[in-house]
Amino acid sequence: MFGKPGGNAVTKVEQIEHEVRQLSERELASFRAWLSEFDAASWDGQLEADAVAGRLDALADAAIADHAAGRSRTL
């Protein structure tokens, strides 16, 4: 692992940042595509977990109530 002045160890994130800065343009484009897919899958997983756990129920109920009260419009 890389060291900092004073002997402090570099965090994993700082090490990854350093490695990303060393990538060629082609490697960086590939990494960006991978990270975008990874991030989207992570977001989808969290949204699914929240839905299954009922954490979105209040939002859905409010949206349905607003629609029933005429406070929505066709997109």
N, C-alpha and C. Protein backbone atom coordinates (compact mmCIF):
# COMPACT_ATOMS: atom_id res chain seq x y z
N MET A 1 0.85 -1.18 0.00
CA MET A 1 0.00 0.00 0.00
C MET A 1 0.89 1.24 0.00
N PHE A 2 0.43 2.29 -0.59
CA PHE A 2 1.18 3.54 -0.66
C PHE A 2 1.18 4.21 0.71
N GLY A 3 2.22 4.95 0.97
CA GLY A 3 2.30 5.65 2.24
C GLY A 3 2.11 7.14 2.08
N LYS A 4 1.70 7.76 3.14
CA LYS A 4 1.59 9.21 3.17
C LYS A 4 2.72 9.74 4.03
N PRO A 5 3.06 11.02 3.87
CA PRO A 5 4.06 11.59 4.76
C PRO A 5 3.63 11.39 6.21
N GLY A 6 4.53 10.97 7.03
CA GLY A 6 4.20 10.70 8.43
C GLY A 6 3.87 9.24 8.65
N GLY A 7 3.88 8.44 7.59
CA GLY A 7 3.68 7.02 7.73
C GLY A 7 2.25 6.54 7.76
N ASN A 8 1.28 7.42 7.52
CA ASN A 8 -0.12 7.00 7.53
C ASN A 8 -0.44 6.18 6.29
N ALA A 9 -1.17 5.10 6.47
CA ALA A 9 -1.55 4.27 5.34
C ALA A 9 -2.62 4.96 4.51
N VAL A 10 -2.62 4.68 3.22
CA VAL A 10 -3.60 5.23 2.30
C VAL A 10 -4.86 4.36 2.38
N THR A 11 -6.00 4.99 2.31
CA THR A 11 -7.24 4.24 2.34
C THR A 11 -7.43 3.49 1.02
N LYS A 12 -8.33 2.52 1.02
CA LYS A 12 -8.64 1.78 -0.20
C LYS A 12 -9.12 2.73 -1.29
N VAL A 13 -9.97 3.68 -0.93
CA VAL A 13 -10.49 4.62 -1.92
C VAL A 13 -9.36 5.44 -2.53
N GLU A 14 -8.46 5.91 -1.71
CA GLU A 14 -7.32 6.68 -2.23
C GLU A 14 -6.45 5.82 -3.13
N GLN A 15 -6.29 4.56 -2.80
CA GLN A 15 -5.50 3.65 -3.63
C GLN A 15 -6.20 3.44 -4.98
N ILE A 16 -7.52 3.25 -4.95
CA ILE A 16 -8.27 3.09 -6.19
C ILE A 16 -8.19 4.35 -7.03
N GLU A 17 -8.33 5.52 -6.39
CA GLU A 17 -8.22 6.79 -7.11
C GLU A 17 -6.86 6.89 -7.82
N HIS A 18 -5.82 6.50 -7.12
CA HIS A 18 -4.48 6.54 -7.71
C HIS A 18 -4.41 5.61 -8.92
N GLU A 19 -4.94 4.42 -8.79
CA GLU A 19 -4.92 3.45 -9.89
C GLU A 19 -5.74 3.94 -11.08
N VAL A 20 -6.88 4.55 -10.84
CA VAL A 20 -7.72 5.05 -11.92
C VAL A 20 -6.99 6.15 -12.69
N ARG A 21 -6.27 6.99 -11.98
CA ARG A 21 -5.50 8.05 -12.66
C ARG A 21 -4.42 7.50 -13.58
N GLN A 22 -4.01 6.27 -13.36
CA GLN A 22 -2.96 5.65 -14.17
C GLN A 22 -3.49 4.96 -15.42
N LEU A 23 -4.81 4.86 -15.56
CA LEU A 23 -5.40 4.15 -16.69
C LEU A 23 -5.24 4.92 -18.00
N SER A 24 -5.10 4.17 -19.08
CA SER A 24 -5.09 4.78 -20.41
C SER A 24 -6.52 5.23 -20.73
N GLU A 25 -6.69 6.00 -21.80
CA GLU A 25 -8.02 6.44 -22.18
C GLU A 25 -8.93 5.25 -22.46
N ARG A 26 -8.40 4.25 -23.12
CA ARG A 26 -9.18 3.05 -23.44
C ARG A 26 -9.57 2.30 -22.17
N GLU A 27 -8.62 2.14 -21.27
CA GLU A 27 -8.90 1.46 -20.01
C GLU A 27 -9.92 2.26 -19.18
N LEU A 28 -9.79 3.58 -19.18
CA LEU A 28 -10.71 4.43 -18.44
C LEU A 28 -12.13 4.31 -19.00
N ALA A 29 -12.26 4.27 -20.32
CA ALA A 29 -13.58 4.11 -20.94
C ALA A 29 -14.19 2.77 -20.54
N SER A 30 -13.39 1.74 -20.53
CA SER A 30 -13.86 0.42 -20.12
C SER A 30 -14.27 0.43 -18.65
N PHE A 31 -13.46 1.07 -17.81
CA PHE A 31 -13.76 1.15 -16.39
C PHE A 31 -15.05 1.93 -16.15
N ARG A 32 -15.23 3.04 -16.87
CA ARG A 32 -16.44 3.84 -16.73
C ARG A 32 -17.68 3.02 -17.07
N ALA A 33 -17.60 2.25 -18.16
CA ALA A 33 -18.74 1.42 -18.56
C ALA A 33 -19.04 0.39 -17.48
N TRP A 34 -18.00 -0.26 -16.96
CA TRP A 34 -18.20 -1.24 -15.90
C TRP A 34 -18.80 -0.59 -14.66
N LEU A 35 -18.26 0.56 -14.25
CA LEU A 35 -18.73 1.23 -13.05
C LEU A 35 -20.19 1.67 -13.21
N SER A 36 -20.55 2.13 -14.38
CA SER A 36 -21.93 2.55 -14.63
C SER A 36 -22.88 1.36 -14.47
N GLU A 37 -22.52 0.22 -15.04
CA GLU A 37 -23.34 -0.98 -14.90
C GLU A 37 -23.39 -1.45 -13.45
N PHE A 38 -22.25 -1.43 -12.78
CA PHE A 38 -22.18 -1.84 -11.38
C PHE A 38 -23.05 -0.95 -10.51
N ASP A 39 -22.97 0.35 -10.73
CA ASP A 39 -23.74 1.32 -9.95
C ASP A 39 -25.23 1.15 -10.19
N ALA A 40 -25.63 0.95 -11.44
CA ALA A 40 -27.04 0.75 -11.77
C ALA A 40 -27.57 -0.52 -11.11
N ALA A 41 -26.80 -1.59 -11.15
CA ALA A 41 -27.23 -2.85 -10.52
C ALA A 41 -27.35 -2.68 -9.01
N SER A 42 -26.43 -1.95 -8.42
CA SER A 42 -26.48 -1.69 -6.98
C SER A 42 -27.73 -0.89 -6.63
N TRP A 43 -28.01 0.15 -7.40
CA TRP A 43 -29.20 0.99 -7.19
C TRP A 43 -30.46 0.15 -7.33
N ASP A 44 -30.52 -0.67 -8.39
CA ASP A 44 -31.70 -1.52 -8.60
C ASP A 44 -31.90 -2.47 -7.42
N GLY A 45 -30.81 -3.05 -6.93
CA GLY A 45 -30.89 -3.96 -5.79
C GLY A 45 -31.40 -3.26 -4.54
N GLN A 46 -30.94 -2.05 -4.29
CA GLN A 46 -31.39 -1.30 -3.12
C GLN A 46 -32.86 -0.92 -3.24
N LEU A 47 -33.26 -0.50 -4.43
CA LEU A 47 -34.66 -0.14 -4.66
C LEU A 47 -35.56 -1.36 -4.45
N GLU A 48 -35.16 -2.50 -4.97
CA GLU A 48 -35.92 -3.73 -4.79
C GLU A 48 -36.02 -4.11 -3.31
N ALA A 49 -34.90 -4.01 -2.60
CA ALA A 49 -34.90 -4.33 -1.17
C ALA A 49 -35.81 -3.38 -0.40
N ASP A 50 -35.78 -2.10 -0.75
CA ASP A 50 -36.66 -1.13 -0.09
C ASP A 50 -38.12 -1.44 -0.38
N ALA A 51 -38.44 -1.82 -1.61
CA ALA A 51 -39.82 -2.15 -1.97
C ALA A 51 -40.29 -3.38 -1.20
N VAL A 52 -39.47 -4.41 -1.17
CA VAL A 52 -39.84 -5.63 -0.46
C VAL A 52 -40.03 -5.36 1.03
N ALA A 53 -39.21 -4.49 1.59
CA ALA A 53 -39.28 -4.17 3.02
C ALA A 53 -40.42 -3.21 3.36
N GLY A 54 -41.11 -2.70 2.33
CA GLY A 54 -42.23 -1.80 2.59
C GLY A 54 -41.84 -0.36 2.80
N ARG A 55 -40.57 -0.03 2.56
CA ARG A 55 -40.13 1.35 2.79
C ARG A 55 -40.66 2.34 1.76
N LEU A 56 -41.25 1.85 0.68
CA LEU A 56 -41.80 2.73 -0.34
C LEU A 56 -43.32 2.80 -0.29
N ASP A 57 -43.93 2.04 0.61
CA ASP A 57 -45.38 1.97 0.69
C ASP A 57 -46.03 3.33 0.91
N ALA A 58 -45.48 4.14 1.80
CA ALA A 58 -46.07 5.45 2.09
C ALA A 58 -46.02 6.34 0.85
N LEU A 59 -44.94 6.27 0.08
CA LEU A 59 -44.84 7.06 -1.15
C LEU A 59 -45.86 6.60 -2.17
N ALA A 60 -46.01 5.29 -2.32
CA ALA A 60 -46.99 4.75 -3.26
C ALA A 60 -48.41 5.13 -2.84
N ASP A 61 -48.70 5.02 -1.57
CA ASP A 61 -50.03 5.38 -1.07
C ASP A 61 -50.33 6.86 -1.33
N ALA A 62 -49.35 7.72 -1.11
CA ALA A 62 -49.54 9.15 -1.35
C ALA A 62 -49.77 9.42 -2.83
N ALA A 63 -49.03 8.74 -3.69
CA ALA A 63 -49.20 8.94 -5.13
C ALA A 63 -50.58 8.48 -5.58
N ILE A 64 -51.02 7.35 -5.07
CA ILE A 64 -52.35 6.84 -5.43
C ILE A 64 -53.43 7.80 -4.94
N ALA A 65 -53.29 8.31 -3.74
CA ALA A 65 -54.27 9.26 -3.18
C ALA A 65 -54.30 10.55 -4.01
N ASP A 66 -53.11 11.03 -4.39
CA ASP A 66 -53.06 12.24 -5.23
C ASP A 66 -53.75 12.00 -6.57
N HIS A 67 -53.51 10.86 -7.16
CA HIS A 67 -54.14 10.54 -8.44
C HIS A 67 -55.66 10.46 -8.28
N ALA A 68 -56.11 9.79 -7.24
CA ALA A 68 -57.55 9.65 -6.99
C ALA A 68 -58.21 11.02 -6.76
N ALA A 69 -57.45 11.95 -6.20
CA ALA A 69 -57.99 13.29 -5.93
C ALA A 69 -57.84 14.23 -7.12
N GLY A 70 -57.37 13.70 -8.24
CA GLY A 70 -57.24 14.51 -9.45
C GLY A 70 -55.99 15.36 -9.50
N ARG A 71 -55.01 15.04 -8.68
CA ARG A 71 -53.78 15.83 -8.64
C ARG A 71 -52.66 15.16 -9.43
N SER A 72 -53.02 14.56 -10.57
CA SER A 72 -52.01 13.96 -11.46
C SER A 72 -52.38 14.30 -12.89
N ARG A 73 -51.46 14.06 -13.78
CA ARG A 73 -51.73 14.33 -15.19
C ARG A 73 -51.06 13.27 -16.05
N THR A 74 -51.54 13.10 -17.23
CA THR A 74 -50.98 12.14 -18.17
C THR A 74 -49.64 12.65 -18.67
N LEU A 75 -48.70 11.75 -18.72
CA LEU A 75 -47.37 12.12 -19.23
C LEU A 75 -47.27 11.86 -20.71
